[in-house]
PDB file of N, CA and C in Angstrom:
ATOM      1  N   MET A   1     -13.573 -13.992   0.084  1.00  0.00           N
ATOM      2  CA  MET A   1     -14.361 -14.971  -0.622  1.00  0.00           C
ATOM      3  C   MET A   1     -14.852 -14.358  -1.932  1.00  0.00           C
ATOM      4  N   LYS A   2     -14.639 -15.056  -3.021  1.00  0.00           N
ATOM      5  CA  LYS A   2     -15.067 -14.592  -4.337  1.00  0.00           C
ATOM      6  C   LYS A   2     -16.429 -15.210  -4.657  1.00  0.00           C
ATOM      7  N   THR A   3     -17.447 -14.361  -4.691  1.00  0.00           N
ATOM      8  CA  THR A   3     -18.815 -14.806  -4.912  1.00  0.00           C
ATOM      9  C   THR A   3     -19.333 -14.264  -6.225  1.00  0.00           C
ATOM     10  N   VAL A   4     -20.027 -15.110  -6.990  1.00  0.00           N
ATOM     11  CA  VAL A   4     -20.687 -14.680  -8.216  1.00  0.00           C
ATOM     12  C   VAL A   4     -22.176 -14.546  -7.897  1.00  0.00           C
ATOM     13  N   THR A   5     -22.784 -13.480  -8.386  1.00  0.00           N
ATOM     14  CA  THR A   5     -24.227 -13.286  -8.224  1.00  0.00           C
ATOM     15  C   THR A   5     -24.919 -13.676  -9.514  1.00  0.00           C
ATOM     16  N   ILE A   6     -25.940 -14.480  -9.392  1.00  0.00           N
ATOM     17  CA  ILE A   6     -26.778 -14.868 -10.527  1.00  0.00           C
ATOM     18  C   ILE A   6     -28.123 -14.189 -10.325  1.00  0.00           C
ATOM     19  N   ASP A   7     -28.582 -13.496 -11.360  1.00  0.00           N
ATOM     20  CA  ASP A   7     -29.862 -12.817 -11.231  1.00  0.00           C
ATOM     21  C   ASP A   7     -30.658 -12.867 -12.526  1.00  0.00           C
ATOM     22  N   ILE A   8     -31.867 -12.343 -12.459  1.00  0.00           N
ATOM     23  CA  ILE A   8     -32.748 -12.252 -13.621  1.00  0.00           C
ATOM     24  C   ILE A   8     -32.983 -10.767 -13.867  1.00  0.00           C
ATOM     25  N   ARG A   9     -32.525 -10.298 -15.038  1.00  0.00           N
ATOM     26  CA  ARG A   9     -32.666  -8.876 -15.380  1.00  0.00           C
ATOM     27  C   ARG A   9     -32.836  -8.749 -16.881  1.00  0.00           C
ATOM     28  N   PRO A  10     -33.533  -7.701 -17.309  1.00  0.00           N
ATOM     29  CA  PRO A  10     -33.640  -7.460 -18.757  1.00  0.00           C
ATOM     30  C   PRO A  10     -32.264  -7.188 -19.355  1.00  0.00           C
ATOM     31  N   LEU A  11     -32.094  -7.576 -20.614  1.00  0.00           N
ATOM     32  CA  LEU A  11     -30.820  -7.386 -21.300  1.00  0.00           C
ATOM     33  C   LEU A  11     -30.399  -5.924 -21.306  1.00  0.00           C
ATOM     34  N   ALA A  12     -31.332  -5.013 -21.513  1.00  0.00           N
ATOM     35  CA  ALA A  12     -31.005  -3.580 -21.552  1.00  0.00           C
ATOM     36  C   ALA A  12     -30.385  -3.118 -20.234  1.00  0.00           C
ATOM     37  N   GLU A  13     -30.904  -3.614 -19.126  1.00  0.00           N
ATOM     38  CA  GLU A  13     -30.368  -3.248 -17.814  1.00  0.00           C
ATOM     39  C   GLU A  13     -28.960  -3.816 -17.628  1.00  0.00           C
ATOM     40  N   THR A  14     -28.769  -5.052 -18.050  1.00  0.00           N
ATOM     41  CA  THR A  14     -27.454  -5.686 -17.951  1.00  0.00           C
ATOM     42  C   THR A  14     -26.426  -4.926 -18.788  1.00  0.00           C
ATOM     43  N   LEU A  15     -26.803  -4.584 -20.020  1.00  0.00           N
ATOM     44  CA  LEU A  15     -25.891  -3.842 -20.897  1.00  0.00           C
ATOM     45  C   LEU A  15     -25.611  -2.447 -20.365  1.00  0.00           C
ATOM     46  N   GLY A  16     -26.617  -1.811 -19.757  1.00  0.00           N
ATOM     47  CA  GLY A  16     -26.420  -0.497 -19.154  1.00  0.00           C
ATOM     48  C   GLY A  16     -25.407  -0.539 -18.020  1.00  0.00           C
ATOM     49  N   ASP A  17     -25.518  -1.551 -17.172  1.00  0.00           N
ATOM     50  CA  ASP A  17     -24.552  -1.708 -16.079  1.00  0.00           C
ATOM     51  C   ASP A  17     -23.150  -1.965 -16.619  1.00  0.00           C
ATOM     52  N   PHE A  18     -23.063  -2.771 -17.690  1.00  0.00           N
ATOM     53  CA  PHE A  18     -21.762  -3.043 -18.308  1.00  0.00           C
ATOM     54  C   PHE A  18     -21.137  -1.750 -18.825  1.00  0.00           C
ATOM     55  N   ALA A  19     -21.936  -0.944 -19.525  1.00  0.00           N
ATOM     56  CA  ALA A  19     -21.428   0.316 -20.085  1.00  0.00           C
ATOM     57  C   ALA A  19     -20.963   1.253 -18.978  1.00  0.00           C
ATOM     58  N   GLN A  20     -21.718   1.334 -17.907  1.00  0.00           N
ATOM     59  CA  GLN A  20     -21.357   2.203 -16.784  1.00  0.00           C
ATOM     60  C   GLN A  20     -20.053   1.736 -16.137  1.00  0.00           C
ATOM     61  N   THR A  21     -19.909   0.450 -15.956  1.00  0.00           N
ATOM     62  CA  THR A  21     -18.683  -0.101 -15.377  1.00  0.00           C
ATOM     63  C   THR A  21     -17.495   0.144 -16.297  1.00  0.00           C
ATOM     64  N   TRP A  22     -17.710  -0.037 -17.594  1.00  0.00           N
ATOM     65  CA  TRP A  22     -16.655   0.179 -18.583  1.00  0.00           C
ATOM     66  C   TRP A  22     -16.169   1.633 -18.541  1.00  0.00           C
ATOM     67  N   LYS A  23     -17.104   2.579 -18.495  1.00  0.00           N
ATOM     68  CA  LYS A  23     -16.749   4.006 -18.484  1.00  0.00           C
ATOM     69  C   LYS A  23     -16.031   4.396 -17.208  1.00  0.00           C
ATOM     70  N   SER A  24     -16.450   3.826 -16.082  1.00  0.00           N
ATOM     71  CA  SER A  24     -15.848   4.198 -14.800  1.00  0.00           C
ATOM     72  C   SER A  24     -14.454   3.594 -14.632  1.00  0.00           C
ATOM     73  N   GLY A  25     -14.198   2.479 -15.328  1.00  0.00           N
ATOM     74  CA  GLY A  25     -12.904   1.823 -15.208  1.00  0.00           C
ATOM     75  C   GLY A  25     -12.757   1.017 -13.929  1.00  0.00           C
ATOM     76  N   LYS A  26     -13.796   0.994 -13.109  1.00  0.00           N
ATOM     77  CA  LYS A  26     -13.764   0.234 -11.857  1.00  0.00           C
ATOM     78  C   LYS A  26     -14.363  -1.140 -12.096  1.00  0.00           C
ATOM     79  N   SER A  27     -13.771  -2.129 -11.487  1.00  0.00           N
ATOM     80  CA  SER A  27     -14.327  -3.472 -11.641  1.00  0.00           C
ATOM     81  C   SER A  27     -15.538  -3.621 -10.724  1.00  0.00           C
ATOM     82  N   SER A  28     -16.447  -4.446 -11.139  1.00  0.00           N
ATOM     83  CA  SER A  28     -17.628  -4.693 -10.319  1.00  0.00           C
ATOM     84  C   SER A  28     -17.604  -6.151  -9.866  1.00  0.00           C
ATOM     85  N   ALA A  29     -18.473  -6.460  -8.934  1.00  0.00           N
ATOM     86  CA  ALA A  29     -18.552  -7.838  -8.446  1.00  0.00           C
ATOM     87  C   ALA A  29     -19.011  -8.753  -9.579  1.00  0.00           C
ATOM     88  N   PRO A  30     -18.520  -9.969  -9.637  1.00  0.00           N
ATOM     89  CA  PRO A  30     -18.932 -10.892 -10.704  1.00  0.00           C
ATOM     90  C   PRO A  30     -20.446 -11.111 -10.691  1.00  0.00           C
ATOM     91  N   ARG A  31     -21.063 -11.016 -11.871  1.00  0.00           N
ATOM     92  CA  ARG A  31     -22.513 -11.162 -11.994  1.00  0.00           C
ATOM     93  C   ARG A  31     -22.836 -11.839 -13.313  1.00  0.00           C
ATOM     94  N   ILE A  32     -23.739 -12.784 -13.263  1.00  0.00           N
ATOM     95  CA  ILE A  32     -24.237 -13.445 -14.462  1.00  0.00           C
ATOM     96  C   ILE A  32     -25.748 -13.281 -14.447  1.00  0.00           C
ATOM     97  N   SER A  33     -26.268 -12.659 -15.498  1.00  0.00           N
ATOM     98  CA  SER A  33     -27.695 -12.353 -15.556  1.00  0.00           C
ATOM     99  C   SER A  33     -28.386 -13.168 -16.637  1.00  0.00           C
ATOM    100  N   PHE A  34     -29.611 -13.542 -16.343  1.00  0.00           N
ATOM    101  CA  PHE A  34     -30.477 -14.237 -17.281  1.00  0.00           C
ATOM    102  C   PHE A  34     -31.702 -13.377 -17.519  1.00  0.00           C
ATOM    103  N   GLU A  35     -32.237 -13.420 -18.736  1.00  0.00           N
ATOM    104  CA  GLU A  35     -33.383 -12.585 -19.075  1.00  0.00           C
ATOM    105  C   GLU A  35     -34.697 -13.078 -18.492  1.00  0.00           C
ATOM    106  N   SER A  36     -34.778 -14.357 -18.154  1.00  0.00           N
ATOM    107  CA  SER A  36     -36.036 -14.892 -17.636  1.00  0.00           C
ATOM    108  C   SER A  36     -35.762 -16.042 -16.677  1.00  0.00           C
ATOM    109  N   PRO A  37     -36.738 -16.321 -15.792  1.00  0.00           N
ATOM    110  CA  PRO A  37     -36.581 -17.492 -14.916  1.00  0.00           C
ATOM    111  C   PRO A  37     -36.473 -18.777 -15.732  1.00  0.00           C
ATOM    112  N   GLU A  38     -37.203 -18.851 -16.844  1.00  0.00           N
ATOM    113  CA  GLU A  38     -37.165 -20.055 -17.674  1.00  0.00           C
ATOM    114  C   GLU A  38     -35.754 -20.317 -18.193  1.00  0.00           C
ATOM    115  N   LEU A  39     -35.077 -19.268 -18.634  1.00  0.00           N
ATOM    116  CA  LEU A  39     -33.719 -19.416 -19.140  1.00  0.00           C
ATOM    117  C   LEU A  39     -32.760 -19.802 -18.017  1.00  0.00           C
ATOM    118  N   LEU A  40     -32.900 -19.177 -16.872  1.00  0.00           N
ATOM    119  CA  LEU A  40     -32.046 -19.514 -15.732  1.00  0.00           C
ATOM    120  C   LEU A  40     -32.190 -20.994 -15.379  1.00  0.00           C
ATOM    121  N   PHE A  41     -33.440 -21.474 -15.281  1.00  0.00           N
ATOM    122  CA  PHE A  41     -33.651 -22.861 -14.884  1.00  0.00           C
ATOM    123  C   PHE A  41     -33.309 -23.846 -15.996  1.00  0.00           C
ATOM    124  N   LYS A  42     -33.330 -23.391 -17.238  1.00  0.00           N
ATOM    125  CA  LYS A  42     -32.904 -24.248 -18.351  1.00  0.00           C
ATOM    126  C   LYS A  42     -31.385 -24.456 -18.287  1.00  0.00           C
ATOM    127  N   VAL A  43     -30.666 -23.372 -18.058  1.00  0.00           N
ATOM    128  CA  VAL A  43     -29.200 -23.439 -18.014  1.00  0.00           C
ATOM    129  C   VAL A  43     -28.713 -24.079 -16.717  1.00  0.00           C
ATOM    130  N   LEU A  44     -29.334 -23.738 -15.604  1.00  0.00           N
ATOM    131  CA  LEU A  44     -28.880 -24.231 -14.301  1.00  0.00           C
ATOM    132  C   LEU A  44     -29.820 -25.311 -13.782  1.00  0.00           C
ATOM    133  N   SER A  45     -29.794 -26.448 -14.442  1.00  0.00           N
ATOM    134  CA  SER A  45     -30.610 -27.600 -14.044  1.00  0.00           C
ATOM    135  C   SER A  45     -30.078 -28.177 -12.730  1.00  0.00           C
ATOM    136  N   GLY A  46     -30.843 -29.075 -12.166  1.00  0.00           N
ATOM    137  CA  GLY A  46     -30.426 -29.715 -10.913  1.00  0.00           C
ATOM    138  C   GLY A  46     -29.087 -30.411 -11.009  1.00  0.00           C
ATOM    139  N   LYS A  47     -28.847 -31.113 -12.108  1.00  0.00           N
ATOM    140  CA  LYS A  47     -27.571 -31.819 -12.293  1.00  0.00           C
ATOM    141  C   LYS A  47     -26.405 -30.833 -12.399  1.00  0.00           C
ATOM    142  N   ARG A  48     -26.659 -29.688 -13.022  1.00  0.00           N
ATOM    143  CA  ARG A  48     -25.599 -28.676 -13.160  1.00  0.00           C
ATOM    144  C   ARG A  48     -25.296 -28.004 -11.829  1.00  0.00           C
ATOM    145  N   TRP A  49     -26.319 -27.787 -10.994  1.00  0.00           N
ATOM    146  CA  TRP A  49     -26.077 -27.261  -9.641  1.00  0.00           C
ATOM    147  C   TRP A  49     -25.225 -28.260  -8.866  1.00  0.00           C
ATOM    148  N   GLU A  50     -25.540 -29.530  -9.002  1.00  0.00           N
ATOM    149  CA  GLU A  50     -24.778 -30.582  -8.330  1.00  0.00           C
ATOM    150  C   GLU A  50     -23.314 -30.561  -8.777  1.00  0.00           C
ATOM    151  N   LEU A  51     -23.103 -30.372 -10.059  1.00  0.00           N
ATOM    152  CA  LEU A  51     -21.753 -30.300 -10.606  1.00  0.00           C
ATOM    153  C   LEU A  51     -21.008 -29.090 -10.043  1.00  0.00           C
ATOM    154  N   LEU A  52     -21.658 -27.928 -10.027  1.00  0.00           N
ATOM    155  CA  LEU A  52     -21.022 -26.729  -9.462  1.00  0.00           C
ATOM    156  C   LEU A  52     -20.684 -26.937  -7.987  1.00  0.00           C
ATOM    157  N   ASN A  53     -21.576 -27.563  -7.257  1.00  0.00           N
ATOM    158  CA  ASN A  53     -21.334 -27.826  -5.841  1.00  0.00           C
ATOM    159  C   ASN A  53     -20.108 -28.718  -5.656  1.00  0.00           C
ATOM    160  N   ALA A  54     -19.987 -29.736  -6.493  1.00  0.00           N
ATOM    161  CA  ALA A  54     -18.846 -30.649  -6.396  1.00  0.00           C
ATOM    162  C   ALA A  54     -17.531 -29.963  -6.775  1.00  0.00           C
ATOM    163  N   MET A  55     -17.603 -28.934  -7.613  1.00  0.00           N
ATOM    164  CA  MET A  55     -16.389 -28.255  -8.068  1.00  0.00           C
ATOM    165  C   MET A  55     -16.000 -27.065  -7.192  1.00  0.00           C
ATOM    166  N   THR A  56     -16.897 -26.599  -6.341  1.00  0.00           N
ATOM    167  CA  THR A  56     -16.621 -25.438  -5.501  1.00  0.00           C
ATOM    168  C   THR A  56     -15.434 -25.694  -4.589  1.00  0.00           C
ATOM    169  N   GLY A  57     -14.435 -24.843  -4.702  1.00  0.00           N
ATOM    170  CA  GLY A  57     -13.244 -24.938  -3.867  1.00  0.00           C
ATOM    171  C   GLY A  57     -12.290 -26.059  -4.234  1.00  0.00           C
ATOM    172  N   ALA A  58     -12.579 -26.794  -5.314  1.00  0.00           N
ATOM    173  CA  ALA A  58     -11.761 -27.955  -5.663  1.00  0.00           C
ATOM    174  C   ALA A  58     -10.633 -27.638  -6.629  1.00  0.00           C
ATOM    175  N   GLY A  59     -10.610 -26.440  -7.200  1.00  0.00           N
ATOM    176  CA  GLY A  59      -9.569 -26.092  -8.152  1.00  0.00           C
ATOM    177  C   GLY A  59      -9.835 -26.695  -9.518  1.00  0.00           C
ATOM    178  N   ALA A  60      -8.830 -26.602 -10.379  1.00  0.00           N
ATOM    179  CA  ALA A  60      -8.960 -27.092 -11.754  1.00  0.00           C
ATOM    180  C   ALA A  60      -8.988 -28.616 -11.782  1.00  0.00           C
ATOM    181  N   MET A  61      -9.776 -29.153 -12.707  1.00  0.00           N
ATOM    182  CA  MET A  61      -9.876 -30.607 -12.844  1.00  0.00           C
ATOM    183  C   MET A  61     -10.285 -30.963 -14.263  1.00  0.00           C
ATOM    184  N   SER A  62     -10.144 -32.207 -14.601  1.00  0.00           N
ATOM    185  CA  SER A  62     -10.585 -32.695 -15.903  1.00  0.00           C
ATOM    186  C   SER A  62     -12.090 -32.950 -15.852  1.00  0.00           C
ATOM    187  N   ILE A  63     -12.707 -33.051 -17.020  1.00  0.00           N
ATOM    188  CA  ILE A  63     -14.129 -33.388 -17.073  1.00  0.00           C
ATOM    189  C   ILE A  63     -14.333 -34.785 -16.493  1.00  0.00           C
ATOM    190  N   ARG A  64     -13.412 -35.670 -16.752  1.00  0.00           N
ATOM    191  CA  ARG A  64     -13.503 -37.029 -16.206  1.00  0.00           C
ATOM    192  C   ARG A  64     -13.528 -36.991 -14.670  1.00  0.00           C
ATOM    193  N   GLU A  65     -12.679 -36.147 -14.068  1.00  0.00           N
ATOM    194  CA  GLU A  65     -12.655 -36.032 -12.611  1.00  0.00           C
ATOM    195  C   GLU A  65     -13.966 -35.434 -12.100  1.00  0.00           C
ATOM    196  N   ALA A  66     -14.485 -34.435 -12.803  1.00  0.00           N
ATOM    197  CA  ALA A  66     -15.764 -33.839 -12.405  1.00  0.00           C
ATOM    198  C   ALA A  66     -16.871 -34.897 -12.459  1.00  0.00           C
ATOM    199  N   ALA A  67     -16.871 -35.714 -13.505  1.00  0.00           N
ATOM    200  CA  ALA A  67     -17.864 -36.776 -13.637  1.00  0.00           C
ATOM    201  C   ALA A  67     -17.730 -37.794 -12.497  1.00  0.00           C
ATOM    202  N   ARG A  68     -16.518 -38.117 -12.141  1.00  0.00           N
ATOM    203  CA  ARG A  68     -16.285 -39.051 -11.032  1.00  0.00           C
ATOM    204  C   ARG A  68     -16.844 -38.491  -9.725  1.00  0.00           C
ATOM    205  N   ARG A  69     -16.644 -37.190  -9.491  1.00  0.00           N
ATOM    206  CA  ARG A  69     -17.113 -36.560  -8.248  1.00  0.00           C
ATOM    207  C   ARG A  69     -18.629 -36.565  -8.118  1.00  0.00           C
ATOM    208  N   VAL A  70     -19.328 -36.450  -9.237  1.00  0.00           N
ATOM    209  CA  VAL A  70     -20.801 -36.436  -9.185  1.00  0.00           C
ATOM    210  C   VAL A  70     -21.399 -37.797  -9.547  1.00  0.00           C
ATOM    211  N   GLU A  71     -20.514 -38.774  -9.774  1.00  0.00           N
ATOM    212  CA  GLU A  71     -20.920 -40.147 -10.082  1.00  0.00           C
ATOM    213  C   GLU A  71     -21.876 -40.198 -11.274  1.00  0.00           C
ATOM    214  N   ARG A  72     -21.419 -39.557 -12.380  1.00  0.00           N
ATOM    215  CA  ARG A  72     -22.213 -39.509 -13.601  1.00  0.00           C
ATOM    216  C   ARG A  72     -21.346 -39.870 -14.794  1.00  0.00           C
ATOM    217  N   ASP A  73     -21.999 -40.150 -15.906  1.00  0.00           N
ATOM    218  CA  ASP A  73     -21.356 -40.479 -17.168  1.00  0.00           C
ATOM    219  C   ASP A  73     -20.548 -39.281 -17.691  1.00  0.00           C
ATOM    220  N   VAL A  74     -19.357 -39.519 -18.192  1.00  0.00           N
ATOM    221  CA  VAL A  74     -18.475 -38.459 -18.692  1.00  0.00           C
ATOM    222  C   VAL A  74     -19.141 -37.675 -19.823  1.00  0.00           C
ATOM    223  N   LYS A  75     -19.806 -38.375 -20.729  1.00  0.00           N
ATOM    224  CA  LYS A  75     -20.449 -37.703 -21.867  1.00  0.00           C
ATOM    225  C   LYS A  75     -21.538 -36.734 -21.395  1.00  0.00           C
ATOM    226  N   ALA A  76     -22.346 -37.142 -20.431  1.00  0.00           N
ATOM    227  CA  ALA A  76     -23.400 -36.268 -19.905  1.00  0.00           C
ATOM    228  C   ALA A  76     -22.792 -35.066 -19.191  1.00  0.00           C
ATOM    229  N   VAL A  77     -21.751 -35.291 -18.417  1.00  0.00           N
ATOM    230  CA  VAL A  77     -21.088 -34.189 -17.703  1.00  0.00           C
ATOM    231  C   VAL A  77     -20.434 -33.241 -18.708  1.00  0.00           C
ATOM    232  N   HIS A  78     -19.897 -33.777 -19.796  1.00  0.00           N
ATOM    233  CA  HIS A  78     -19.301 -32.934 -20.830  1.00  0.00           C
ATOM    234  C   HIS A  78     -20.336 -31.946 -21.375  1.00  0.00           C
ATOM    235  N   GLY A  79     -21.554 -32.406 -21.623  1.00  0.00           N
ATOM    236  CA  GLY A  79     -22.619 -31.523 -22.089  1.00  0.00           C
ATOM    237  C   GLY A  79     -22.949 -30.447 -21.071  1.00  0.00           C
ATOM    238  N   ASP A  80     -22.990 -30.820 -19.797  1.00  0.00           N
ATOM    239  CA  ASP A  80     -23.260 -29.843 -18.743  1.00  0.00           C
ATOM    240  C   ASP A  80     -22.118 -28.839 -18.611  1.00  0.00           C
ATOM    241  N   VAL A  81     -20.894 -29.323 -18.716  1.00  0.00           N
ATOM    242  CA  VAL A  81     -19.729 -28.436 -18.645  1.00  0.00           C
ATOM    243  C   VAL A  81     -19.772 -27.419 -19.790  1.00  0.00           C
ATOM    244  N   THR A  82     -20.119 -27.868 -20.984  1.00  0.00           N
ATOM    245  CA  THR A  82     -20.213 -26.960 -22.130  1.00  0.00           C
ATOM    246  C   THR A  82     -21.248 -25.869 -21.870  1.00  0.00           C
ATOM    247  N   ALA A  83     -22.404 -26.239 -21.350  1.00  0.00           N
ATOM    248  CA  ALA A  83     -23.437 -25.246 -21.036  1.00  0.00           C
ATOM    249  C   ALA A  83     -22.968 -24.264 -19.965  1.00  0.00           C
ATOM    250  N   LEU A  84     -22.280 -24.757 -18.955  1.00  0.00           N
ATOM    251  CA  LEU A  84     -21.798 -23.881 -17.874  1.00  0.00           C
ATOM    252  C   LEU A  84     -20.640 -22.996 -18.342  1.00  0.00           C
ATOM    253  N   LEU A  85     -19.825 -23.488 -19.251  1.00  0.00           N
ATOM    254  CA  LEU A  85     -18.781 -22.650 -19.854  1.00  0.00           C
ATOM    255  C   LEU A  85     -19.432 -21.518 -20.658  1.00  0.00           C
ATOM    256  N   ASN A  86     -20.444 -21.854 -21.455  1.00  0.00           N
ATOM    257  CA  ASN A  86     -21.136 -20.851 -22.261  1.00  0.00           C
ATOM    258  C   ASN A  86     -21.837 -19.807 -21.400  1.00  0.00           C
ATOM    259  N   ALA A  87     -22.317 -20.213 -20.225  1.00  0.00           N
ATOM    260  CA  ALA A  87     -22.995 -19.283 -19.318  1.00  0.00           C
ATOM    261  C   ALA A  87     -22.011 -18.434 -18.520  1.00  0.00           C
ATOM    262  N   GLY A  88     -20.737 -18.790 -18.544  1.00  0.00           N
ATOM    263  CA  GLY A  88     -19.728 -18.022 -17.809  1.00  0.00           C
ATOM    264  C   GLY A  88     -19.505 -18.485 -16.387  1.00  0.00           C
ATOM    265  N   LEU A  89     -20.093 -19.599 -16.012  1.00  0.00           N
ATOM    266  CA  LEU A  89     -19.922 -20.089 -14.653  1.00  0.00           C
ATOM    267  C   LEU A  89     -18.667 -20.939 -14.477  1.00  0.00           C
ATOM    268  N   LEU A  90     -18.241 -21.596 -15.522  1.00  0.00           N
ATOM    269  CA  LEU A  90     -16.986 -22.343 -15.495  1.00  0.00           C
ATOM    270  C   LEU A  90     -15.993 -21.681 -16.434  1.00  0.00           C
ATOM    271  N   SER A  91     -14.728 -21.923 -16.177  1.00  0.00           N
ATOM    272  CA  SER A  91     -13.649 -21.424 -17.038  1.00  0.00           C
ATOM    273  C   SER A  91     -12.747 -22.597 -17.390  1.00  0.00           C
ATOM    274  N   LYS A  92     -11.989 -22.414 -18.461  1.00  0.00           N
ATOM    275  CA  LYS A  92     -10.971 -23.403 -18.839  1.00  0.00           C
ATOM    276  C   LYS A  92      -9.606 -22.810 -18.561  1.00  0.00           C
ATOM    277  N   THR A  93      -8.715 -23.655 -18.064  1.00  0.00           N
ATOM    278  CA  THR A  93      -7.335 -23.237 -17.849  1.00  0.00           C
ATOM    279  C   THR A  93      -6.571 -23.371 -19.165  1.00  0.00           C
ATOM    280  N   ASP A  94      -5.363 -22.858 -19.196  1.00  0.00           N
ATOM    281  CA  ASP A  94      -4.530 -22.945 -20.396  1.00  0.00           C
ATOM    282  C   ASP A  94      -4.264 -24.386 -20.816  1.00  0.00           C
ATOM    283  N   ASP A  95      -4.253 -25.294 -19.852  1.00  0.00           N
ATOM    284  CA  ASP A  95      -3.990 -26.694 -20.175  1.00  0.00           C
ATOM    285  C   ASP A  95      -5.270 -27.510 -20.382  1.00  0.00           C
ATOM    286  N   GLY A  96      -6.427 -26.832 -20.544  1.00  0.00           N
ATOM    287  CA  GLY A  96      -7.665 -27.504 -20.890  1.00  0.00           C
ATOM    288  C   GLY A  96      -8.477 -28.057 -19.733  1.00  0.00           C
ATOM    289  N   MET A  97      -8.042 -27.784 -18.518  1.00  0.00           N
ATOM    290  CA  MET A  97      -8.809 -28.230 -17.353  1.00  0.00           C
ATOM    291  C   MET A  97      -9.983 -27.267 -17.151  1.00  0.00           C
ATOM    292  N   ILE A  98     -10.987 -27.707 -16.409  1.00  0.00           N
ATOM    293  CA  ILE A  98     -12.122 -26.841 -16.092  1.00  0.00           C
ATOM    294  C   ILE A  98     -12.033 -26.420 -14.634  1.00  0.00           C
ATOM    295  N   VAL A  99     -12.552 -25.228 -14.356  1.00  0.00           N
ATOM    296  CA  VAL A  99     -12.508 -24.719 -12.990  1.00  0.00           C
ATOM    297  C   VAL A  99     -13.734 -23.855 -12.728  1.00  0.00           C
ATOM    298  N   PHE A 100     -14.278 -23.990 -11.522  1.00  0.00           N
ATOM    299  CA  PHE A 100     -15.307 -23.079 -11.043  1.00  0.00           C
ATOM    300  C   PHE A 100     -14.542 -22.013 -10.265  1.00  0.00           C
ATOM    301  N   PRO A 101     -14.401 -20.796 -10.834  1.00  0.00           N
ATOM    302  CA  PRO A 101     -13.479 -19.812 -10.258  1.00  0.00           C
ATOM    303  C   PRO A 101     -14.040 -18.996  -9.089  1.00  0.00           C
ATOM    304  N   TYR A 102     -15.095 -19.468  -8.463  1.00  0.00           N
ATOM    305  CA  TYR A 102     -15.722 -18.741  -7.355  1.00  0.00           C
ATOM    306  C   TYR A 102     -15.790 -19.643  -6.128  1.00  0.00           C
ATOM    307  N   ASP A 103     -15.908 -18.999  -4.965  1.00  0.00           N
ATOM    308  CA  ASP A 103     -16.054 -19.733  -3.715  1.00  0.00           C
ATOM    309  C   ASP A 103     -17.514 -19.951  -3.355  1.00  0.00           C
ATOM    310  N   ALA A 104     -18.397 -19.134  -3.955  1.00  0.00           N
ATOM    311  CA  ALA A 104     -19.810 -19.205  -3.612  1.00  0.00           C
ATOM    312  C   ALA A 104     -20.655 -18.607  -4.732  1.00  0.00           C
ATOM    313  N   ILE A 105     -21.932 -18.984  -4.725  1.00  0.00           N
ATOM    314  CA  ILE A 105     -22.912 -18.424  -5.654  1.00  0.00           C
ATOM    315  C   ILE A 105     -24.013 -17.778  -4.824  1.00  0.00           C
ATOM    316  N   HIS A 106     -24.363 -16.544  -5.192  1.00  0.00           N
ATOM    317  CA  HIS A 106     -25.501 -15.861  -4.590  1.00  0.00           C
ATOM    318  C   HIS A 106     -26.553 -15.714  -5.679  1.00  0.00           C
ATOM    319  N   VAL A 107     -27.743 -16.252  -5.452  1.00  0.00           N
ATOM    320  CA  VAL A 107     -28.828 -16.147  -6.429  1.00  0.00           C
ATOM    321  C   VAL A 107     -29.775 -15.065  -5.950  1.00  0.00           C
ATOM    322  N   ASP A 108     -30.078 -14.105  -6.835  1.00  0.00           N
ATOM    323  CA  ASP A 108     -30.880 -12.951  -6.447  1.00  0.00           C
ATOM    324  C   ASP A 108     -31.980 -12.695  -7.466  1.00  0.00           C
ATOM    325  N   PHE A 109     -33.207 -13.116  -7.144  1.00  0.00           N
ATOM    326  CA  PHE A 109     -34.335 -12.781  -7.998  1.00  0.00           C
ATOM    327  C   PHE A 109     -35.621 -12.912  -7.181  1.00  0.00           C
ATOM    328  N   MET A 110     -36.654 -12.236  -7.661  1.00  0.00           N
ATOM    329  CA  MET A 110     -37.940 -12.266  -7.010  1.00  0.00           C
ATOM    330  C   MET A 110     -39.019 -12.557  -8.043  1.00  0.00           C
ATOM    331  N   LEU A 111     -39.897 -13.471  -7.740  1.00  0.00           N
ATOM    332  CA  LEU A 111     -41.043 -13.735  -8.587  1.00  0.00           C
ATOM    333  C   LEU A 111     -42.257 -13.074  -7.944  1.00  0.00           C
ATOM    334  N   LYS A 112     -42.987 -12.302  -8.737  1.00  0.00           N
ATOM    335  CA  LYS A 112     -44.157 -11.611  -8.183  1.00  0.00           C
ATOM    336  C   LYS A 112     -45.261 -11.555  -9.226  1.00  0.00           C
ATOM    337  N   ALA A 113     -46.439 -11.219  -8.794  1.00  0.00           N
ATOM    338  CA  ALA A 113     -47.585 -11.119  -9.696  1.00  0.00           C
ATOM    339  C   ALA A 113     -47.334 -10.033 -10.728  1.00  0.00           C
ATOM    340  N   ALA A 114     -47.791 -10.282 -11.946  1.00  0.00           N
ATOM    341  CA  ALA A 114     -47.594  -9.310 -13.035  1.00  0.00           C
ATOM    342  C   ALA A 114     -48.529  -8.126 -12.900  1.00  0.00           C
TER     343      ALA A 114
END
């Protein structure tokens, strides 16, 4: 099962892990990091989670098909797809289809008193 981990980490820590992985030449598990909870929740809104859920395990599809699956307007889904592409959660195939290339999402963060 190919799982992507979403977490909240400072940019310096994320870049440090990238540099270490690059130097070692070993691949690491897929990870997408956000600098703050606010940014994570801005990018991964409820409608976007719904879209990812509908695309999980479904393979490549058109934006129109994704919109049909979540019973939403194509234009609104197009905006969500663009945001998810920019965040690295969706990919485009050579023929322009969109795909969620993971079988699962693991969210890893802790909120605590400052």
